[in-house]
C-alpha cells in the first residue's frame, strides 16, 4: 500500500485545525496538526513534510517567519499560507518568501483546499524527481569524468607501477632526440633490469613480485628529477631519460641509484642471492652512443647485459667493492 502524502497544518485556533484535519484526511492525506510555530518546527525536524499549511497569525511567530525557517531546512518543501482576511500586501509578502499559494479564511470549500494541496504536493513530487535526476546525472558525469581520467592516464602510464609506460617512453625519446638536435646538447638514458626477478617470483609468489615492482618504482621516482622520464619498459625492465645529462653525470646518477636499491629493505630481500635486491644498469648517451632511439637503446641494452653477465661471474654480495666494479663495467662503453 502506497504511503499517503504527509501534510503539516499549523493554526493557533483549534477549530480551524480540526476543520483542516478533517477536510484533508477526507482527501486521502496523512495530516499532522500543531498550534504554534515552535511546535511545528519540532514536528518538522522529526519528520520532514512535503507540504506545510500555516496560518499567518500563529503563536510565537508569524506564518511567514515559519515559512522562512522551514525553507532554510529544506527548500523543496511547499508551503500554503492562509489568513482570515484578504490582504494583497500579505499575499505578496508570503509569495515573495517562497509560499506556493495563499488562501483566505473562512475555509468552507473542500474542493478548493484539496485542489490546492494536490497541486502543491504534485509540484513537490516533480521537484524532488527532478532533483534526484540531477543528482544521478551528476554522479554519472563524475563517474564518467573519473573513467576518462583513468583512460587518459592508462594511455601514458603503467597500471601496476604508476610509471610512464613503454609507449610514452618511445614518444618522449623521439622528442628528446629532436630537441637535442635543434639545441646541440647531450642527454642520457638508463636501461635498468631487476636482477633475479624470476627467482623472487618463484620463491615468494607473483603477488609479492608485483609488490616488489611497485616498491622499486616508488624508489626510482624519489631518486630522479621532475624533468626526468621514468618508465616501465616491460616486465622487470625500466628505462630513464635524463635530459641535458652527459655521460659522466649520468654514470654518477646511476651508481647512486644502484647503491640505493641494494641498500633498501625490500620485503623478502633476505631470501635473495646476496640477501638484497639488486639491479643492472646499461647507460647510453646521445650523440656519442647513437643518434636514433634504436641505436641508443641497443647500446644501453648491450651495456646492461654485459654488466649482468659479469655480475653473475663475480657473485657480487651487497656492498662489496665488486658490485661497484660490475656497475661501472656495465655502464661504460
Protein backbone atom coordinates (compact mmCIF):
# COMPACT_ATOMS: atom_id res chain seq x y z
CA UNK A 1 0.00 0.00 0.00
CA UNK A 2 1.39 3.39 -1.03
CA UNK A 3 2.25 5.84 1.73
CA UNK A 4 -0.19 8.73 1.99
CA UNK A 5 1.30 12.20 1.32
CA UNK A 6 2.13 13.98 4.60
CA UNK A 7 0.84 17.48 5.41
CA UNK A 8 1.65 19.60 8.47
CA UNK A 9 -1.11 22.04 9.47
CA UNK A 10 -0.25 24.96 11.78
CA UNK A 11 -3.01 27.15 13.23
CA UNK A 12 -3.46 28.81 16.62
CA UNK A 13 -7.22 28.19 16.58
CA UNK A 14 -8.23 24.62 17.43
CA UNK A 15 -11.46 24.93 15.43
CA UNK A 16 -9.61 25.60 12.20
CA UNK A 17 -7.03 22.93 12.95
CA UNK A 18 -9.82 20.37 13.27
CA UNK A 19 -11.57 21.60 10.12
CA UNK A 20 -8.40 21.30 8.06
CA UNK A 21 -7.58 17.93 9.62
CA UNK A 22 -10.98 16.53 8.66
CA UNK A 23 -11.01 18.05 5.17
CA UNK A 24 -7.50 16.94 4.22
CA UNK A 25 -7.87 13.44 5.68
CA UNK A 26 -11.03 13.05 3.62
CA UNK A 27 -8.90 13.81 0.57
CA UNK A 28 -6.55 10.96 1.44
CA UNK A 29 -3.68 12.79 3.15
CA UNK A 30 -1.71 11.93 6.30
CA UNK A 31 -2.24 15.07 8.39
CA UNK A 32 -0.39 16.31 11.49
CA UNK A 33 -1.65 19.41 13.34
CA UNK A 34 0.25 21.83 15.58
CA UNK A 35 -0.84 25.02 17.42
CA UNK A 36 2.40 27.08 17.31
CA UNK A 37 5.43 27.79 15.20
CA UNK A 38 7.86 26.23 17.67
CA UNK A 39 5.79 23.05 17.92
CA UNK A 40 5.54 22.93 14.12
CA UNK A 41 9.32 23.20 13.75
CA UNK A 42 9.89 20.40 16.24
CA UNK A 43 7.48 18.19 14.33
CA UNK A 44 9.11 19.10 11.03
CA UNK A 45 12.61 18.27 12.27
CA UNK A 46 11.40 14.86 13.44
CA UNK A 47 9.65 14.07 10.17
CA UNK A 48 10.02 16.13 7.01
CA UNK A 49 6.69 17.12 5.46
CA UNK A 50 6.34 17.75 1.71
CA UNK A 51 3.62 20.34 2.41
CA UNK A 52 3.02 22.75 5.28
CA UNK A 53 -0.21 24.75 5.58
CA UNK A 54 0.11 27.58 8.08
CA UNK A 55 -1.95 30.49 9.25
CA UNK A 56 -0.31 33.91 9.07
CA UNK A 57 -1.13 34.62 12.73
CA UNK A 58 0.23 31.80 14.93
CA UNK A 59 1.61 31.86 18.49
CA UNK A 60 5.32 32.81 18.95
CA UNK A 61 5.97 33.79 15.29
CA UNK A 62 4.21 34.72 12.06
CA UNK A 63 3.39 32.21 9.38
CA UNK A 64 5.88 33.94 7.07
CA UNK A 65 8.65 33.54 9.69
CA UNK A 66 7.78 29.85 9.98
CA UNK A 67 7.87 29.59 6.19
CA UNK A 68 11.34 31.17 6.08
CA UNK A 69 12.74 28.83 8.75
CA UNK A 70 11.35 25.73 7.03
CA UNK A 71 12.78 26.86 3.71
CA UNK A 72 16.20 27.12 5.36
CA UNK A 73 15.89 23.47 6.38
CA UNK A 74 14.51 22.21 3.08
CA UNK A 75 13.90 24.45 0.10
CA UNK A 76 11.80 21.79 -1.60
CA UNK A 77 9.01 21.81 1.00
CA UNK A 78 5.92 23.58 -0.35
CA UNK A 79 4.02 25.98 1.92
CA UNK A 80 0.48 27.31 1.66
CA UNK A 81 -0.31 30.39 3.76
CA UNK A 82 -3.84 31.14 5.00
CA UNK A 83 -5.40 34.11 6.79
CA UNK A 84 -8.80 35.31 7.92
CA UNK A 85 -8.92 38.33 5.66
CA UNK A 86 -7.96 39.12 2.10
CA UNK A 87 -4.86 41.32 2.09
CA UNK A 88 -2.92 41.82 -1.12
CA UNK A 89 0.17 43.02 0.79
CA UNK A 90 0.18 39.90 2.96
CA UNK A 91 -0.26 37.67 -0.08
CA UNK A 92 2.62 39.37 -1.89
CA UNK A 93 4.88 39.08 1.18
CA UNK A 94 4.07 35.38 1.51
CA UNK A 95 4.68 34.64 -2.16
CA UNK A 96 7.96 36.57 -2.15
CA UNK A 97 9.09 34.49 0.82
CA UNK A 98 8.51 31.32 -1.14
CA UNK A 99 4.89 30.36 -0.44
CA UNK A 100 3.29 28.15 -3.07
CA UNK A 101 -0.23 29.53 -2.60
CA UNK A 102 -2.30 31.86 -0.46
CA UNK A 103 -5.81 31.03 0.82
CA UNK A 104 -8.33 33.12 2.72
CA UNK A 105 -10.41 32.12 5.75
CA UNK A 106 -13.07 31.03 6.36
CA UNK A 107 -12.21 27.78 4.54
CA UNK A 108 -15.53 26.16 3.67
CA UNK A 109 -14.85 24.80 0.19
CA UNK A 110 -13.40 21.30 0.49
CA UNK A 111 -12.56 21.17 -3.22
CA UNK A 112 -10.54 24.40 -3.12
CA UNK A 113 -8.47 23.18 -0.16
CA UNK A 114 -7.86 19.68 -1.55
CA UNK A 115 -7.01 21.01 -5.01
CA UNK A 116 -4.51 23.48 -3.56
CA UNK A 117 -2.91 20.70 -1.52
CA UNK A 118 -2.83 18.37 -4.54
CA UNK A 119 -1.15 20.97 -6.76
CA UNK A 120 1.44 21.80 -4.09
CA UNK A 121 2.26 18.13 -3.46
CA UNK A 122 2.49 17.45 -7.19
CA UNK A 123 4.98 20.31 -7.53
CA UNK A 124 6.95 18.87 -4.61
CA UNK A 125 6.97 15.44 -6.25
CA UNK A 126 8.15 16.82 -9.58
CA UNK A 127 10.82 18.97 -7.94
CA UNK A 128 12.08 16.01 -5.91
CA UNK A 129 12.09 13.83 -9.00
CA UNK A 130 13.98 16.50 -10.91
CA UNK A 131 16.44 16.90 -8.03
CA UNK A 132 17.05 13.15 -7.92
CA UNK A 133 17.58 13.07 -11.68
CA UNK A 134 20.07 15.94 -11.46
CA UNK A 135 21.95 14.18 -8.63
CA UNK A 136 22.02 10.94 -10.59
CA UNK A 137 23.28 12.83 -13.64
CA UNK A 138 25.99 14.49 -11.55
CA UNK A 139 27.08 11.11 -10.20
CA UNK A 140 27.08 9.67 -13.71
CA UNK A 141 29.12 12.60 -15.02
CA UNK A 142 31.51 12.30 -12.09
CA UNK A 143 31.97 8.58 -12.78
CA UNK A 144 32.42 9.30 -16.49
CA UNK A 145 34.97 12.01 -15.76
CA UNK A 146 36.85 9.67 -13.43
CA UNK A 147 36.81 6.92 -16.07
CA UNK A 148 38.07 9.34 -18.73
CA UNK A 149 40.88 10.49 -16.46
CA UNK A 150 41.84 6.89 -15.81
CA UNK A 151 41.78 6.06 -19.52
CA UNK A 152 43.88 9.12 -20.26
CA UNK A 153 46.38 8.09 -17.61
CA UNK A 154 46.45 4.49 -18.84
CA UNK A 155 47.38 5.79 -22.27
CA UNK A 156 50.66 7.11 -20.84
CA UNK A 157 51.18 5.24 -17.56
CA UNK A 158 51.77 1.66 -16.48
CA UNK A 159 48.79 0.38 -14.48
CA UNK A 160 50.82 -1.62 -11.94
CA UNK A 161 53.68 0.71 -11.08
CA UNK A 162 52.27 4.13 -11.96
CA UNK A 163 55.37 4.91 -14.01
CA UNK A 164 55.21 6.06 -17.62
CA UNK A 165 54.63 3.16 -20.00
CA UNK A 166 56.64 1.85 -22.98
CA UNK A 167 54.54 3.78 -25.49
CA UNK A 168 55.07 7.09 -23.73
CA UNK A 169 58.80 6.43 -23.44
CA UNK A 170 59.04 5.86 -27.20
CA UNK A 171 57.31 9.18 -27.83
CA UNK A 172 59.49 11.07 -25.35
CA UNK A 173 62.82 9.74 -26.57
CA UNK A 174 61.96 10.91 -30.10
CA UNK A 175 61.11 14.35 -28.73
CA UNK A 176 64.33 14.39 -26.74
CA UNK A 177 66.38 13.50 -29.82
CA UNK A 178 64.65 16.25 -31.79
CA UNK A 179 65.32 18.77 -29.04
CA UNK A 180 68.98 17.70 -28.73
CA UNK A 181 69.44 18.14 -32.49
CA UNK A 182 67.95 21.63 -32.52
CA UNK A 183 69.88 22.79 -29.45
CA UNK A 184 73.14 20.82 -29.67
CA UNK A 185 73.46 19.07 -26.34
CA UNK A 186 73.66 15.57 -24.94
CA UNK A 187 71.22 13.50 -22.95
CA UNK A 188 71.47 10.02 -21.47
CA UNK A 189 69.25 7.01 -20.94
CA UNK A 190 69.49 4.33 -18.27
CA UNK A 191 68.23 0.86 -19.14
CA UNK A 192 67.51 -0.97 -15.88
CA UNK A 193 66.84 -4.64 -15.23
CA UNK A 194 65.83 -6.17 -11.90
CA UNK A 195 68.25 -8.99 -11.09
CA UNK A 196 66.93 -12.48 -10.30
CA UNK A 197 63.29 -11.43 -10.56
CA UNK A 198 62.21 -14.93 -11.66
CA UNK A 199 63.86 -16.33 -8.54
CA UNK A 200 61.99 -13.76 -6.42
CA UNK A 201 58.64 -14.70 -8.00
CA UNK A 202 59.30 -18.42 -7.66
CA UNK A 203 60.28 -18.03 -4.01
CA UNK A 204 57.68 -15.51 -2.84
CA UNK A 205 54.81 -15.71 -5.36
CA UNK A 206 53.65 -13.35 -8.08
CA UNK A 207 51.69 -11.07 -5.75
CA UNK A 208 54.85 -10.34 -3.81
CA UNK A 209 56.60 -9.91 -7.16
CA UNK A 210 54.10 -7.22 -8.12
CA UNK A 211 54.62 -5.57 -4.76
CA UNK A 212 58.38 -5.53 -5.34
CA UNK A 213 57.92 -3.87 -8.74
CA UNK A 214 55.70 -1.19 -7.19
CA UNK A 215 58.09 -0.55 -4.29
CA UNK A 216 61.05 -0.40 -6.66
CA UNK A 217 59.20 2.04 -8.92
CA UNK A 218 58.42 4.30 -5.97
CA UNK A 219 62.10 4.25 -5.04
CA UNK A 220 63.03 5.19 -8.61
CA UNK A 221 60.68 8.18 -8.58
CA UNK A 222 62.23 9.53 -5.39
CA UNK A 223 65.69 9.34 -6.94
CA UNK A 224 65.16 11.39 -10.10
CA UNK A 225 64.33 14.95 -11.11
CA UNK A 226 60.86 16.02 -12.20
CA UNK A 227 62.24 16.62 -15.69
CA UNK A 228 63.48 13.02 -15.96
CA UNK A 229 61.25 10.43 -17.59
CA UNK A 230 61.00 7.19 -15.58
CA UNK A 231 59.15 4.43 -17.44
CA UNK A 232 58.45 0.74 -17.16
CA UNK A 233 59.84 -0.74 -20.34
CA UNK A 234 58.20 -4.12 -19.81
CA UNK A 235 58.20 -6.93 -17.25
CA UNK A 236 61.06 -6.23 -14.82
CA UNK A 237 62.80 -3.73 -17.13
CA UNK A 238 62.76 0.02 -16.68
CA UNK A 239 64.19 2.94 -18.61
CA UNK A 240 65.01 6.52 -17.63
CA UNK A 241 65.58 9.53 -19.88
CA UNK A 242 67.93 12.09 -18.32
CA UNK A 243 67.62 15.35 -20.32
CA UNK A 244 70.70 17.58 -20.61
CA UNK A 245 72.82 14.97 -18.85
CA UNK A 246 76.27 14.00 -20.20
CA UNK A 247 77.70 10.51 -19.66
CA UNK A 248 79.89 11.27 -16.65
CA UNK A 249 76.97 12.85 -14.78
CA UNK A 250 74.62 10.05 -15.81
CA UNK A 251 77.13 7.49 -14.54
CA UNK A 252 77.14 9.11 -11.10
CA UNK A 253 73.34 9.18 -11.04
CA UNK A 254 73.16 5.51 -11.99
CA UNK A 255 75.79 4.49 -9.43
CA UNK A 256 73.85 6.27 -6.70
CA UNK A 257 70.63 4.54 -7.78
CA UNK A 258 72.42 1.19 -7.82
CA UNK A 259 73.54 1.66 -4.20
CA UNK A 260 70.13 2.89 -3.06
CA UNK A 261 68.37 -0.17 -4.43
CA UNK A 262 70.92 -2.60 -2.96
CA UNK A 263 70.62 -0.94 0.43
CA UNK A 264 66.84 -0.67 0.54
CA UNK A 265 64.98 -3.09 2.86
CA UNK A 266 62.57 -4.56 0.34
CA UNK A 267 60.23 -7.28 1.59
CA UNK A 268 61.81 -10.76 1.45
CA UNK A 269 65.14 -9.37 0.27
CA UNK A 270 66.93 -11.60 2.80
CA UNK A 271 65.79 -14.61 0.78
CA UNK A 272 67.57 -13.41 -2.36
CA UNK A 273 71.17 -14.04 -3.51
CA UNK A 274 73.39 -11.65 -1.59
CA UNK A 275 70.46 -11.03 0.79
CA UNK A 276 69.47 -7.90 -1.11
CA UNK A 277 67.62 -6.74 -4.21
CA UNK A 278 69.94 -5.53 -6.96
CA UNK A 279 69.57 -4.01 -10.40
CA UNK A 280 71.74 -3.98 -13.50
CA UNK A 281 72.02 -0.74 -15.47
CA UNK A 282 73.06 -0.04 -19.02
CA UNK A 283 73.97 3.53 -19.96
CA UNK A 284 73.84 5.23 -23.36
CA UNK A 285 74.39 8.90 -24.19
CA UNK A 286 73.32 10.95 -27.20
CA UNK A 287 75.07 11.53 -29.59
CA UNK A 288 78.23 9.57 -28.79
CA UNK A 289 76.44 6.19 -28.37
CA UNK A 290 73.82 6.74 -31.05
CA UNK A 291 71.68 9.36 -32.74
CA UNK A 292 68.43 7.40 -33.01
CA UNK A 293 66.17 5.75 -30.47
CA UNK A 294 67.05 2.29 -31.78
CA UNK A 295 70.81 2.76 -31.65
CA UNK A 296 70.69 4.31 -28.20
CA UNK A 297 68.53 1.50 -26.80
CA UNK A 298 70.67 -1.13 -28.50
CA UNK A 299 73.80 0.32 -26.91
CA UNK A 300 72.19 0.56 -23.47
CA UNK A 301 70.90 -2.99 -23.81
CA UNK A 302 74.38 -4.28 -24.65
CA UNK A 303 75.88 -2.48 -21.67
CA UNK A 304 73.14 -3.84 -19.44
CA UNK A 305 73.64 -7.48 -20.30
CA UNK A 306 77.42 -7.19 -20.34
CA UNK A 307 77.27 -5.95 -16.78
CA UNK A 308 74.69 -8.57 -15.77
CA UNK A 309 76.93 -11.35 -17.10
CA UNK A 310 79.99 -10.04 -15.30
CA UNK A 311 77.97 -9.53 -12.12
CA UNK A 312 76.98 -13.18 -12.21
CA UNK A 313 80.59 -14.24 -12.70
CA UNK A 314 81.68 -12.26 -9.64
CA UNK A 315 78.78 -13.46 -7.45
CA UNK A 316 78.50 -9.98 -6.01
CA UNK A 317 77.39 -9.53 -2.42
CA UNK A 318 75.77 -6.43 -1.01
CA UNK A 319 78.13 -3.51 -0.51
CA UNK A 320 81.21 -5.30 -1.84
CA UNK A 321 83.79 -3.47 -3.99
CA UNK A 322 83.00 -5.87 -6.82
CA UNK A 323 79.48 -4.51 -7.02
CA UNK A 324 80.81 -1.08 -7.94
CA UNK A 325 83.22 -2.61 -10.42
CA UNK A 326 80.48 -4.54 -12.20
CA UNK A 327 78.28 -1.48 -12.33
CA UNK A 328 80.90 0.66 -13.98
CA UNK A 329 81.71 -2.05 -16.49
CA UNK A 330 78.03 -2.37 -17.35
CA UNK A 331 77.55 1.34 -17.89
CA UNK A 332 80.78 2.28 -19.63
CA UNK A 333 81.29 1.68 -23.33
